[in-house]
Amino acid sequence: MELELEGPNLKSVLNRLRRAQGQISGVIRMIEEGRDCEDVVTQLAAASRALDRAGFAIIASGLQTCVADIDAARANGEDAVQIRTRLERLFLSLA
């Protein structure tokens, strides 16, 4: 399955990922500096949410591609159970 994000969708996903990258760098720095555990966990949770949102945005933007891939999988002989399992695994990977 190829990732096809366009214009504003791509920019939004990249912004979320850059934000998460900055937050993770901040968490590393906080740990190295021996900062308060609560502050570190709060920052780590924010990074996790940013990554989750980026993943959900990618899935939402790529849903049309996923549907096209399902049609291609059917044409290649995959049955409905195999296709459902693949899609379920994809969505659950972000749970």
PDB file of N, CA and C in Angstrom:
ATOM      1  N   MET A   1       0.843  -1.166   0.000  1.00  0.00           N
ATOM      2  CA  MET A   1       0.000   0.000   0.000  1.00  0.00           C
ATOM      3  C   MET A   1       0.892   1.235   0.000  1.00  0.00           C
ATOM      4  N   GLU A   2       0.714   2.074  -0.991  1.00  0.00           N
ATOM      5  CA  GLU A   2       1.513   3.291  -1.097  1.00  0.00           C
ATOM      6  C   GLU A   2       0.844   4.429  -0.339  1.00  0.00           C
ATOM      7  N   LEU A   3       1.669   5.287   0.227  1.00  0.00           N
ATOM      8  CA  LEU A   3       1.168   6.444   0.961  1.00  0.00           C
ATOM      9  C   LEU A   3       1.019   7.603  -0.006  1.00  0.00           C
ATOM     10  N   GLU A   4      -0.204   8.113  -0.138  1.00  0.00           N
ATOM     11  CA  GLU A   4      -0.460   9.233  -1.033  1.00  0.00           C
ATOM     12  C   GLU A   4      -1.175  10.328  -0.274  1.00  0.00           C
ATOM     13  N   LEU A   5      -0.407  11.260   0.248  1.00  0.00           N
ATOM     14  CA  LEU A   5      -0.984  12.421   0.917  1.00  0.00           C
ATOM     15  C   LEU A   5      -0.778  13.623   0.020  1.00  0.00           C
ATOM     16  N   GLU A   6      -1.759  14.493   0.026  1.00  0.00           N
ATOM     17  CA  GLU A   6      -1.683  15.660  -0.838  1.00  0.00           C
ATOM     18  C   GLU A   6      -1.646  16.936  -0.014  1.00  0.00           C
ATOM     19  N   GLY A   7      -1.042  17.967  -0.565  1.00  0.00           N
ATOM     20  CA  GLY A   7      -1.008  19.326  -0.053  1.00  0.00           C
ATOM     21  C   GLY A   7      -1.195  19.518   1.430  1.00  0.00           C
ATOM     22  N   PRO A   8      -2.377  20.033   1.821  1.00  0.00           N
ATOM     23  CA  PRO A   8      -2.614  20.367   3.226  1.00  0.00           C
ATOM     24  C   PRO A   8      -2.542  19.145   4.145  1.00  0.00           C
ATOM     25  N   ASN A   9      -2.968  17.983   3.651  1.00  0.00           N
ATOM     26  CA  ASN A   9      -2.909  16.778   4.474  1.00  0.00           C
ATOM     27  C   ASN A   9      -1.473  16.410   4.794  1.00  0.00           C
ATOM     28  N   LEU A  10      -0.616  16.468   3.797  1.00  0.00           N
ATOM     29  CA  LEU A  10       0.797  16.159   3.994  1.00  0.00           C
ATOM     30  C   LEU A  10       1.431  17.150   4.961  1.00  0.00           C
ATOM     31  N   LYS A  11       1.136  18.436   4.773  1.00  0.00           N
ATOM     32  CA  LYS A  11       1.706  19.470   5.631  1.00  0.00           C
ATOM     33  C   LYS A  11       1.276  19.258   7.085  1.00  0.00           C
ATOM     34  N   SER A  12       0.018  18.930   7.290  1.00  0.00           N
ATOM     35  CA  SER A  12      -0.505  18.703   8.633  1.00  0.00           C
ATOM     36  C   SER A  12       0.180  17.512   9.307  1.00  0.00           C
ATOM     37  N   VAL A  13       0.338  16.422   8.571  1.00  0.00           N
ATOM     38  CA  VAL A  13       0.992  15.230   9.124  1.00  0.00           C
ATOM     39  C   VAL A  13       2.447  15.535   9.452  1.00  0.00           C
ATOM     40  N   LEU A  14       3.136  16.191   8.548  1.00  0.00           N
ATOM     41  CA  LEU A  14       4.543  16.530   8.796  1.00  0.00           C
ATOM     42  C   LEU A  14       4.695  17.462   9.995  1.00  0.00           C
ATOM     43  N   ASN A  15       3.768  18.416  10.149  1.00  0.00           N
ATOM     44  CA  ASN A  15       3.819  19.303  11.314  1.00  0.00           C
ATOM     45  C   ASN A  15       3.640  18.525  12.610  1.00  0.00           C
ATOM     46  N   ARG A  16       2.711  17.583  12.616  1.00  0.00           N
ATOM     47  CA  ARG A  16       2.489  16.761  13.809  1.00  0.00           C
ATOM     48  C   ARG A  16       3.737  15.936  14.130  1.00  0.00           C
ATOM     49  N   LEU A  17       4.343  15.375  13.107  1.00  0.00           N
ATOM     50  CA  LEU A  17       5.537  14.550  13.323  1.00  0.00           C
ATOM     51  C   LEU A  17       6.711  15.400  13.805  1.00  0.00           C
ATOM     52  N   ARG A  18       6.852  16.594  13.265  1.00  0.00           N
ATOM     53  CA  ARG A  18       7.924  17.491  13.731  1.00  0.00           C
ATOM     54  C   ARG A  18       7.696  17.910  15.182  1.00  0.00           C
ATOM     55  N   ARG A  19       6.431  18.146  15.525  1.00  0.00           N
ATOM     56  CA  ARG A  19       6.102  18.501  16.900  1.00  0.00           C
ATOM     57  C   ARG A  19       6.467  17.346  17.831  1.00  0.00           C
ATOM     58  N   ALA A  20       6.118  16.130  17.434  1.00  0.00           N
ATOM     59  CA  ALA A  20       6.453  14.956  18.243  1.00  0.00           C
ATOM     60  C   ALA A  20       7.964  14.791  18.360  1.00  0.00           C
ATOM     61  N   GLN A  21       8.658  15.028  17.272  1.00  0.00           N
ATOM     62  CA  GLN A  21      10.126  14.929  17.287  1.00  0.00           C
ATOM     63  C   GLN A  21      10.713  15.913  18.297  1.00  0.00           C
ATOM     64  N   GLY A  22      10.215  17.137  18.303  1.00  0.00           N
ATOM     65  CA  GLY A  22      10.677  18.137  19.258  1.00  0.00           C
ATOM     66  C   GLY A  22      10.352  17.742  20.689  1.00  0.00           C
ATOM     67  N   GLN A  23       9.159  17.189  20.885  1.00  0.00           N
ATOM     68  CA  GLN A  23       8.769  16.769  22.225  1.00  0.00           C
ATOM     69  C   GLN A  23       9.632  15.614  22.718  1.00  0.00           C
ATOM     70  N   ILE A  24       9.945  14.691  21.847  1.00  0.00           N
ATOM     71  CA  ILE A  24      10.795  13.557  22.229  1.00  0.00           C
ATOM     72  C   ILE A  24      12.201  14.050  22.568  1.00  0.00           C
ATOM     73  N   SER A  25      12.713  14.989  21.773  1.00  0.00           N
ATOM     74  CA  SER A  25      14.015  15.581  22.097  1.00  0.00           C
ATOM     75  C   SER A  25      13.967  16.248  23.464  1.00  0.00           C
ATOM     76  N   GLY A  26      12.855  16.910  23.746  1.00  0.00           N
ATOM     77  CA  GLY A  26      12.677  17.549  25.036  1.00  0.00           C
ATOM     78  C   GLY A  26      12.650  16.540  26.179  1.00  0.00           C
ATOM     79  N   VAL A  27      11.994  15.402  25.953  1.00  0.00           N
ATOM     80  CA  VAL A  27      11.937  14.345  26.972  1.00  0.00           C
ATOM     81  C   VAL A  27      13.342  13.816  27.254  1.00  0.00           C
ATOM     82  N   ILE A  28      14.100  13.584  26.212  1.00  0.00           N
ATOM     83  CA  ILE A  28      15.475  13.079  26.381  1.00  0.00           C
ATOM     84  C   ILE A  28      16.297  14.081  27.194  1.00  0.00           C
ATOM     85  N   ARG A  29      16.179  15.346  26.831  1.00  0.00           N
ATOM     86  CA  ARG A  29      16.920  16.390  27.548  1.00  0.00           C
ATOM     87  C   ARG A  29      16.484  16.460  29.015  1.00  0.00           C
ATOM     88  N   MET A  30      15.179  16.348  29.249  1.00  0.00           N
ATOM     89  CA  MET A  30      14.663  16.398  30.618  1.00  0.00           C
ATOM     90  C   MET A  30      15.205  15.242  31.461  1.00  0.00           C
ATOM     91  N   ILE A  31      15.257  14.067  30.874  1.00  0.00           N
ATOM     92  CA  ILE A  31      15.787  12.901  31.594  1.00  0.00           C
ATOM     93  C   ILE A  31      17.262  13.097  31.894  1.00  0.00           C
ATOM     94  N   GLU A  32      18.009  13.581  30.892  1.00  0.00           N
ATOM     95  CA  GLU A  32      19.446  13.821  31.087  1.00  0.00           C
ATOM     96  C   GLU A  32      19.706  14.863  32.172  1.00  0.00           C
ATOM     97  N   GLU A  33      18.795  15.814  32.302  1.00  0.00           N
ATOM     98  CA  GLU A  33      18.946  16.868  33.306  1.00  0.00           C
ATOM     99  C   GLU A  33      18.392  16.466  34.674  1.00  0.00           C
ATOM    100  N   GLY A  34      17.781  15.285  34.734  1.00  0.00           N
ATOM    101  CA  GLY A  34      17.228  14.811  36.000  1.00  0.00           C
ATOM    102  C   GLY A  34      15.974  15.552  36.434  1.00  0.00           C
ATOM    103  N   ARG A  35      15.167  15.951  35.463  1.00  0.00           N
ATOM    104  CA  ARG A  35      13.946  16.716  35.758  1.00  0.00           C
ATOM    105  C   ARG A  35      12.919  15.854  36.476  1.00  0.00           C
ATOM    106  N   ASP A  36      11.923  16.513  37.008  1.00  0.00           N
ATOM    107  CA  ASP A  36      10.846  15.882  37.758  1.00  0.00           C
ATOM    108  C   ASP A  36      10.113  14.842  36.898  1.00  0.00           C
ATOM    109  N   CYS A  37       9.827  13.701  37.518  1.00  0.00           N
ATOM    110  CA  CYS A  37       9.174  12.584  36.827  1.00  0.00           C
ATOM    111  C   CYS A  37       7.836  13.003  36.210  1.00  0.00           C
ATOM    112  N   GLU A  38       7.052  13.771  36.935  1.00  0.00           N
ATOM    113  CA  GLU A  38       5.745  14.192  36.440  1.00  0.00           C
ATOM    114  C   GLU A  38       5.873  15.037  35.171  1.00  0.00           C
ATOM    115  N   ASP A  39       6.854  15.924  35.138  1.00  0.00           N
ATOM    116  CA  ASP A  39       7.087  16.748  33.952  1.00  0.00           C
ATOM    117  C   ASP A  39       7.498  15.888  32.757  1.00  0.00           C
ATOM    118  N   VAL A  40       8.361  14.905  33.015  1.00  0.00           N
ATOM    119  CA  VAL A  40       8.832  14.020  31.943  1.00  0.00           C
ATOM    120  C   VAL A  40       7.666  13.217  31.376  1.00  0.00           C
ATOM    121  N   VAL A  41       6.852  12.652  32.250  1.00  0.00           N
ATOM    122  CA  VAL A  41       5.720  11.830  31.802  1.00  0.00           C
ATOM    123  C   VAL A  41       4.709  12.685  31.042  1.00  0.00           C
ATOM    124  N   THR A  42       4.460  13.901  31.501  1.00  0.00           N
ATOM    125  CA  THR A  42       3.534  14.804  30.808  1.00  0.00           C
ATOM    126  C   THR A  42       4.024  15.085  29.394  1.00  0.00           C
ATOM    127  N   GLN A  43       5.309  15.368  29.251  1.00  0.00           N
ATOM    128  CA  GLN A  43       5.885  15.649  27.933  1.00  0.00           C
ATOM    129  C   GLN A  43       5.854  14.397  27.053  1.00  0.00           C
ATOM    130  N   LEU A  44       6.117  13.249  27.641  1.00  0.00           N
ATOM    131  CA  LEU A  44       6.095  11.989  26.896  1.00  0.00           C
ATOM    132  C   LEU A  44       4.679  11.682  26.407  1.00  0.00           C
ATOM    133  N   ALA A  45       3.682  11.941  27.237  1.00  0.00           N
ATOM    134  CA  ALA A  45       2.289  11.733  26.840  1.00  0.00           C
ATOM    135  C   ALA A  45       1.914  12.647  25.679  1.00  0.00           C
ATOM    136  N   ALA A  46       2.394  13.879  25.711  1.00  0.00           N
ATOM    137  CA  ALA A  46       2.113  14.814  24.613  1.00  0.00           C
ATOM    138  C   ALA A  46       2.733  14.318  23.309  1.00  0.00           C
ATOM    139  N   ALA A  47       3.946  13.796  23.386  1.00  0.00           N
ATOM    140  CA  ALA A  47       4.601  13.251  22.192  1.00  0.00           C
ATOM    141  C   ALA A  47       3.825  12.050  21.660  1.00  0.00           C
ATOM    142  N   SER A  48       3.372  11.222  22.551  1.00  0.00           N
ATOM    143  CA  SER A  48       2.606  10.038  22.154  1.00  0.00           C
ATOM    144  C   SER A  48       1.313  10.444  21.444  1.00  0.00           C
ATOM    145  N   ARG A  49       0.619  11.436  21.982  1.00  0.00           N
ATOM    146  CA  ARG A  49      -0.616  11.919  21.341  1.00  0.00           C
ATOM    147  C   ARG A  49      -0.330  12.496  19.959  1.00  0.00           C
ATOM    148  N   ALA A  50       0.765  13.231  19.831  1.00  0.00           N
ATOM    149  CA  ALA A  50       1.115  13.811  18.525  1.00  0.00           C
ATOM    150  C   ALA A  50       1.378  12.708  17.500  1.00  0.00           C
ATOM    151  N   LEU A  51       2.070  11.644  17.926  1.00  0.00           N
ATOM    152  CA  LEU A  51       2.318  10.516  17.019  1.00  0.00           C
ATOM    153  C   LEU A  51       1.022   9.806  16.652  1.00  0.00           C
ATOM    154  N   ASP A  52       0.153   9.610  17.646  1.00  0.00           N
ATOM    155  CA  ASP A  52      -1.143   8.970  17.376  1.00  0.00           C
ATOM    156  C   ASP A  52      -1.950   9.773  16.367  1.00  0.00           C
ATOM    157  N   ARG A  53      -1.992  11.076  16.576  1.00  0.00           N
ATOM    158  CA  ARG A  53      -2.764  11.930  15.664  1.00  0.00           C
ATOM    159  C   ARG A  53      -2.195  11.912  14.255  1.00  0.00           C
ATOM    160  N   ALA A  54      -0.889  11.867  14.141  1.00  0.00           N
ATOM    161  CA  ALA A  54      -0.270  11.778  12.814  1.00  0.00           C
ATOM    162  C   ALA A  54      -0.658  10.455  12.155  1.00  0.00           C
ATOM    163  N   GLY A  55      -0.617   9.384  12.926  1.00  0.00           N
ATOM    164  CA  GLY A  55      -1.000   8.076  12.382  1.00  0.00           C
ATOM    165  C   GLY A  55      -2.447   8.048  11.946  1.00  0.00           C
ATOM    166  N   PHE A  56      -3.336   8.609  12.758  1.00  0.00           N
ATOM    167  CA  PHE A  56      -4.751   8.642  12.395  1.00  0.00           C
ATOM    168  C   PHE A  56      -4.972   9.508  11.158  1.00  0.00           C
ATOM    169  N   ALA A  57      -4.247  10.604  11.047  1.00  0.00           N
ATOM    170  CA  ALA A  57      -4.380  11.470   9.872  1.00  0.00           C
ATOM    171  C   ALA A  57      -3.920  10.736   8.614  1.00  0.00           C
ATOM    172  N   ILE A  58      -2.855   9.967   8.736  1.00  0.00           N
ATOM    173  CA  ILE A  58      -2.366   9.198   7.587  1.00  0.00           C
ATOM    174  C   ILE A  58      -3.407   8.167   7.174  1.00  0.00           C
ATOM    175  N   ILE A  59      -3.974   7.478   8.144  1.00  0.00           N
ATOM    176  CA  ILE A  59      -4.994   6.466   7.823  1.00  0.00           C
ATOM    177  C   ILE A  59      -6.218   7.126   7.206  1.00  0.00           C
ATOM    178  N   ALA A  60      -6.679   8.230   7.793  1.00  0.00           N
ATOM    179  CA  ALA A  60      -7.859   8.905   7.260  1.00  0.00           C
ATOM    180  C   ALA A  60      -7.612   9.393   5.836  1.00  0.00           C
ATOM    181  N   SER A  61      -6.438   9.978   5.611  1.00  0.00           N
ATOM    182  CA  SER A  61      -6.120  10.485   4.273  1.00  0.00           C
ATOM    183  C   SER A  61      -5.925   9.356   3.275  1.00  0.00           C
ATOM    184  N   GLY A  62      -5.443   8.231   3.762  1.00  0.00           N
ATOM    185  CA  GLY A  62      -5.168   7.118   2.866  1.00  0.00           C
ATOM    186  C   GLY A  62      -6.301   6.123   2.734  1.00  0.00           C
ATOM    187  N   LEU A  63      -7.458   6.428   3.329  1.00  0.00           N
ATOM    188  CA  LEU A  63      -8.565   5.473   3.295  1.00  0.00           C
ATOM    189  C   LEU A  63      -8.985   5.138   1.867  1.00  0.00           C
ATOM    190  N   GLN A  64      -8.997   6.123   1.025  1.00  0.00           N
ATOM    191  CA  GLN A  64      -9.378   5.878  -0.363  1.00  0.00           C
ATOM    192  C   GLN A  64      -8.384   4.914  -1.026  1.00  0.00           C
ATOM    193  N   THR A  65      -7.107   5.102  -0.733  1.00  0.00           N
ATOM    194  CA  THR A  65      -6.085   4.200  -1.260  1.00  0.00           C
ATOM    195  C   THR A  65      -6.284   2.802  -0.712  1.00  0.00           C
ATOM    196  N   CYS A  66      -6.646   2.720   0.572  1.00  0.00           N
ATOM    197  CA  CYS A  66      -6.894   1.410   1.185  1.00  0.00           C
ATOM    198  C   CYS A  66      -8.023   0.677   0.459  1.00  0.00           C
ATOM    199  N   VAL A  67      -9.085   1.424   0.130  1.00  0.00           N
ATOM    200  CA  VAL A  67     -10.217   0.818  -0.569  1.00  0.00           C
ATOM    201  C   VAL A  67      -9.776   0.322  -1.938  1.00  0.00           C
ATOM    202  N   ALA A  68      -8.968   1.099  -2.635  1.00  0.00           N
ATOM    203  CA  ALA A  68      -8.453   0.668  -3.936  1.00  0.00           C
ATOM    204  C   ALA A  68      -7.581  -0.569  -3.772  1.00  0.00           C
ATOM    205  N   ASP A  69      -6.802  -0.615  -2.678  1.00  0.00           N
ATOM    206  CA  ASP A  69      -5.962  -1.780  -2.421  1.00  0.00           C
ATOM    207  C   ASP A  69      -6.803  -3.024  -2.146  1.00  0.00           C
ATOM    208  N   ILE A  70      -7.951  -2.830  -1.515  1.00  0.00           N
ATOM    209  CA  ILE A  70      -8.852  -3.954  -1.260  1.00  0.00           C
ATOM    210  C   ILE A  70      -9.327  -4.533  -2.581  1.00  0.00           C
ATOM    211  N   ASP A  71      -9.705  -3.656  -3.497  1.00  0.00           N
ATOM    212  CA  ASP A  71     -10.141  -4.118  -4.821  1.00  0.00           C
ATOM    213  C   ASP A  71      -9.020  -4.883  -5.518  1.00  0.00           C
ATOM    214  N   ALA A  72      -7.789  -4.374  -5.409  1.00  0.00           N
ATOM    215  CA  ALA A  72      -6.649  -5.050  -6.025  1.00  0.00           C
ATOM    216  C   ALA A  72      -6.401  -6.399  -5.353  1.00  0.00           C
ATOM    217  N   ALA A  73      -6.544  -6.451  -4.028  1.00  0.00           N
ATOM    218  CA  ALA A  73      -6.341  -7.706  -3.300  1.00  0.00           C
ATOM    219  C   ALA A  73      -7.371  -8.742  -3.728  1.00  0.00           C
ATOM    220  N   ARG A  74      -8.605  -8.300  -3.892  1.00  0.00           N
ATOM    221  CA  ARG A  74      -9.655  -9.221  -4.377  1.00  0.00           C
ATOM    222  C   ARG A  74      -9.298  -9.749  -5.762  1.00  0.00           C
ATOM    223  N   ALA A  75      -8.802  -8.852  -6.608  1.00  0.00           N
ATOM    224  CA  ALA A  75      -8.425  -9.257  -7.962  1.00  0.00           C
ATOM    225  C   ALA A  75      -7.271 -10.254  -7.931  1.00  0.00           C
ATOM    226  N   ASN A  76      -6.421 -10.171  -6.881  1.00  0.00           N
ATOM    227  CA  ASN A  76      -5.299 -11.097  -6.744  1.00  0.00           C
ATOM    228  C   ASN A  76      -5.665 -12.354  -5.977  1.00  0.00           C
ATOM    229  N   GLY A  77      -6.950 -12.513  -5.660  1.00  0.00           N
ATOM    230  CA  GLY A  77      -7.403 -13.758  -5.052  1.00  0.00           C
ATOM    231  C   GLY A  77      -7.499 -13.770  -3.536  1.00  0.00           C
ATOM    232  N   GLU A  78      -7.236 -12.650  -2.877  1.00  0.00           N
ATOM    233  CA  GLU A  78      -7.406 -12.627  -1.425  1.00  0.00           C
ATOM    234  C   GLU A  78      -8.893 -12.650  -1.108  1.00  0.00           C
ATOM    235  N   ASP A  79      -9.241 -13.407  -0.060  1.00  0.00           N
ATOM    236  CA  ASP A  79     -10.653 -13.442   0.307  1.00  0.00           C
ATOM    237  C   ASP A  79     -10.967 -12.337   1.316  1.00  0.00           C
ATOM    238  N   ALA A  80     -12.242 -12.179   1.620  1.00  0.00           N
ATOM    239  CA  ALA A  80     -12.699 -11.100   2.503  1.00  0.00           C
ATOM    240  C   ALA A  80     -12.064 -11.189   3.890  1.00  0.00           C
ATOM    241  N   VAL A  81     -11.863 -12.385   4.396  1.00  0.00           N
ATOM    242  CA  VAL A  81     -11.272 -12.557   5.731  1.00  0.00           C
ATOM    243  C   VAL A  81      -9.826 -12.067   5.740  1.00  0.00           C
ATOM    244  N   GLN A  82      -9.058 -12.399   4.715  1.00  0.00           N
ATOM    245  CA  GLN A  82      -7.667 -11.948   4.636  1.00  0.00           C
ATOM    246  C   GLN A  82      -7.585 -10.422   4.542  1.00  0.00           C
ATOM    247  N   ILE A  83      -8.443  -9.850   3.741  1.00  0.00           N
ATOM    248  CA  ILE A  83      -8.451  -8.398   3.565  1.00  0.00           C
ATOM    249  C   ILE A  83      -8.845  -7.720   4.875  1.00  0.00           C
ATOM    250  N   ARG A  84      -9.889  -8.230   5.518  1.00  0.00           N
ATOM    251  CA  ARG A  84     -10.329  -7.653   6.785  1.00  0.00           C
ATOM    252  C   ARG A  84      -9.226  -7.758   7.837  1.00  0.00           C
ATOM    253  N   THR A  85      -8.547  -8.874   7.867  1.00  0.00           N
ATOM    254  CA  THR A  85      -7.459  -9.068   8.826  1.00  0.00           C
ATOM    255  C   THR A  85      -6.352  -8.051   8.597  1.00  0.00           C
ATOM    256  N   ARG A  86      -5.985  -7.814   7.338  1.00  0.00           N
ATOM    257  CA  ARG A  86      -4.950  -6.823   7.030  1.00  0.00           C
ATOM    258  C   ARG A  86      -5.355  -5.428   7.491  1.00  0.00           C
ATOM    259  N   LEU A  87      -6.599  -5.028   7.177  1.00  0.00           N
ATOM    260  CA  LEU A  87      -7.060  -3.701   7.570  1.00  0.00           C
ATOM    261  C   LEU A  87      -7.188  -3.569   9.084  1.00  0.00           C
ATOM    262  N   GLU A  88      -7.672  -4.608   9.719  1.00  0.00           N
ATOM    263  CA  GLU A  88      -7.817  -4.590  11.174  1.00  0.00           C
ATOM    264  C   GLU A  88      -6.443  -4.440  11.834  1.00  0.00           C
ATOM    265  N   ARG A  89      -5.474  -5.161  11.336  1.00  0.00           N
ATOM    266  CA  ARG A  89      -4.106  -5.076  11.876  1.00  0.00           C
ATOM    267  C   ARG A  89      -3.559  -3.655  11.720  1.00  0.00           C
ATOM    268  N   LEU A  90      -3.840  -3.039  10.585  1.00  0.00           N
ATOM    269  CA  LEU A  90      -3.403  -1.667  10.334  1.00  0.00           C
ATOM    270  C   LEU A  90      -3.999  -0.708  11.354  1.00  0.00           C
ATOM    271  N   PHE A  91      -5.306  -0.768  11.544  1.00  0.00           N
ATOM    272  CA  PHE A  91      -5.956   0.134  12.485  1.00  0.00           C
ATOM    273  C   PHE A  91      -5.546  -0.150  13.922  1.00  0.00           C
ATOM    274  N   LEU A  92      -5.417  -1.400  14.291  1.00  0.00           N
ATOM    275  CA  LEU A  92      -5.052  -1.755  15.663  1.00  0.00           C
ATOM    276  C   LEU A  92      -3.604  -1.410  15.990  1.00  0.00           C
ATOM    277  N   SER A  93      -2.780  -1.257  14.972  1.00  0.00           N
ATOM    278  CA  SER A  93      -1.387  -0.902  15.229  1.00  0.00           C
ATOM    279  C   SER A  93      -1.279   0.467  15.905  1.00  0.00           C
ATOM    280  N   LEU A  94      -2.322   1.274  15.796  1.00  0.00           N
ATOM    281  CA  LEU A  94      -2.326   2.592  16.435  1.00  0.00           C
ATOM    282  C   LEU A  94      -3.082   2.604  17.763  1.00  0.00           C
ATOM    283  N   ALA A  95      -3.642   1.473  18.131  1.00  0.00           N
ATOM    284  CA  ALA A  95      -4.411   1.422  19.385  1.00  0.00           C
ATOM    285  C   ALA A  95      -3.509   1.339  20.594  1.00  0.00           C
TER     286      ALA A  95
END
